[in-house]
Amino acid sequence: MNTRSHTLRNTLYSSVGMYTEYVLGMLTSIIIARHLGPDDFGAYSLVIWLVAMGIAITNSGTASAAIKFVAELRGSEQPRMIPILLDYLRRAQRYFLVFVLVAGGLLFLTIGDRVAPNMNHAVLLGFLIIAVALRASYMFNIGVAKGFEDFRATAMVALISTPVNLALVIMAWLFNAPVEWLLAIFLVSSLVFLMVSSRQISPLVPERIEGVELPGPLMDRVRRHMGWTALTVSVGFLAASEVEVLFLNLYADSHAAGQFKVAFQLAIGASALVPGVFGALLLPMMANALSRGREAAGRRFVASTAYLALLALPLVAFGAVFSTAVIHVMYGQEFLPAGPVFAFCLAATGITTITLGGSSLLVSADRQRSILMLVTAFAALKIIAGALLISRFGLTGAVMSFVLVAVVSAVAMMALAIKVSQAMPEWGRLTRIALAATLAALIVLPMRGYLLPWAQVVFGGLVLAGSYAPLTLLLGCWTRGDIEHLQQLHQRFVSGRPRVGARFLEWAHARAGAGEMT
């Protein structure tokens, strides 16, 4: 199987898993938000944010090490070392969990009344530890599957576990359950995710062979990767997560926190949904490319950046035009103030998505120290800017802080990736992609406000997609290799009809550049 077919197969499985997890997960979130309303949803979101913070610390370094080094050991034909590596990483994960337990206890002893007023802190701490342990182990299993480049396993986890979670939430909604029951459901669903993921990766891991040990140089690299990545992930969580929810609960109110959480969550999910099916493949792909030399990795970085832009920018254009209509359809009148917030958050996450190729290159190139320095600066900027802007401007300040950090971090990450790879992104191509998305947005702009919200979302999305695709071909946004593959698909699935489409692809192929296909 060639590289293109292998990548497309993995992308298909990843697409199935991510689309299932996103659609059903978003439906679950919508039900919870509508059930609780902005105020209670803001408080609930803070608890879930604390769980996510604990997961980031517990899994810091271990999940990414599983992806990176499992892929490396497979590529170097040393699979017998994989079980030993995973045992070591799981032990490290348990040590991180102990740290979370201690940190959580200190948090509630010192500022518990401000962070979680009107809650039993002992019960909440117990919930956080159990939830973090279950979810971190599940996410580690997903990292193992990605290291094996078995995206069928990740798709099966989503196909089995996510519907169970949705069914439990629907039951809670029908019985008008309080927020405590929703937290209990979170624990049950976490256990389901862990059990299904463990079953999926079990056949992938080779049997242990007595006497096999990890070589000293490899262990040194694993420890170094884990140490730097642990710090990077833990600090980076503050830069990448919705820490604004914490500040809004502290300095504004839970109502504003609920509005921001809705917009942030929808933007993050949408950005992961479209480019993420390819982005999930980037770390093992980049590690593989680096094993063939810096030049190969540089070409992969340039090509992946352009490809991610092709997928992310139309989503940003759609959000710029129809953000309020999307919020209205999904969350109702109570959450309408989240509409403009969603547009800005989607633009920020779109920019971040385009830099995924660069960040994957840096991780694969063992540049964790440089990444840590950058991410620490981003986290400090986000905390300082968030605290100052939110305390002064409330929800608007949260948006300002989020966008500021996203733009600064994207520019810095791209600059470092360019320096490491010595490869320059195709700025002309990226500009043409942005122009195509802008023109598509202008085409659908008259539809905003003149149709019912659901009609704006459905028909506006169809028209935008139908305009964007030919615009990208017309403006030369695809390489010759890309278009050759489109021609093969056009011939295979619709027998080259309509002929006008085939002729258009031939014309686009004749004027396209010869860049590498991702």
Foldseek 3Di string as FASTA:
>chain_A
DDPVVLLVVLLVLLLLQLVLCLVLVLLLVLLVCQLLDQFVLLLLVLLVLLLVLLLLLLLQLLLLLLQQVLLVCVVVVNLLCNVVSNVVSVVSSVVSLVVSLVVLVVCCVPCVCLSRNPDDSVVSSVLSSLLSVLQSLLSSLVSNCNSVSNSNLSSVLSVPLSVVLSVLSVVCSVVSHDVVSNSVSSSVSSNSSNVSSCVSCVVVRDDHDPPDDDDPVVVVLSVLSRVLRSLLSSLLCLLPDLCLSSLLVNQNHSSLSSLLCSLLVVLLSVLCNFLVSSLSNQLSVLLVQVVVHLQSSLLVLQQQLLVLLLRLLLVLLLLVQQQLLVCCVRNNDSNSVSRVLNSLSNVLSSLLSSLSSLVSNCSSVSVSVVSSVLSNVSSVQLVVQSNVQCNPPNSVSSSVSSNVSSVVSSVVSQVVSCVRSVHDHPVLLSVQLNVLSNVLSVVLNVVGPVDRSVCCNVVSVVSSVVSSVLSSLVSQNDALVVLVVVLVVCCVPVVCPPVVVNVSSVVSNVPHHHRDHD
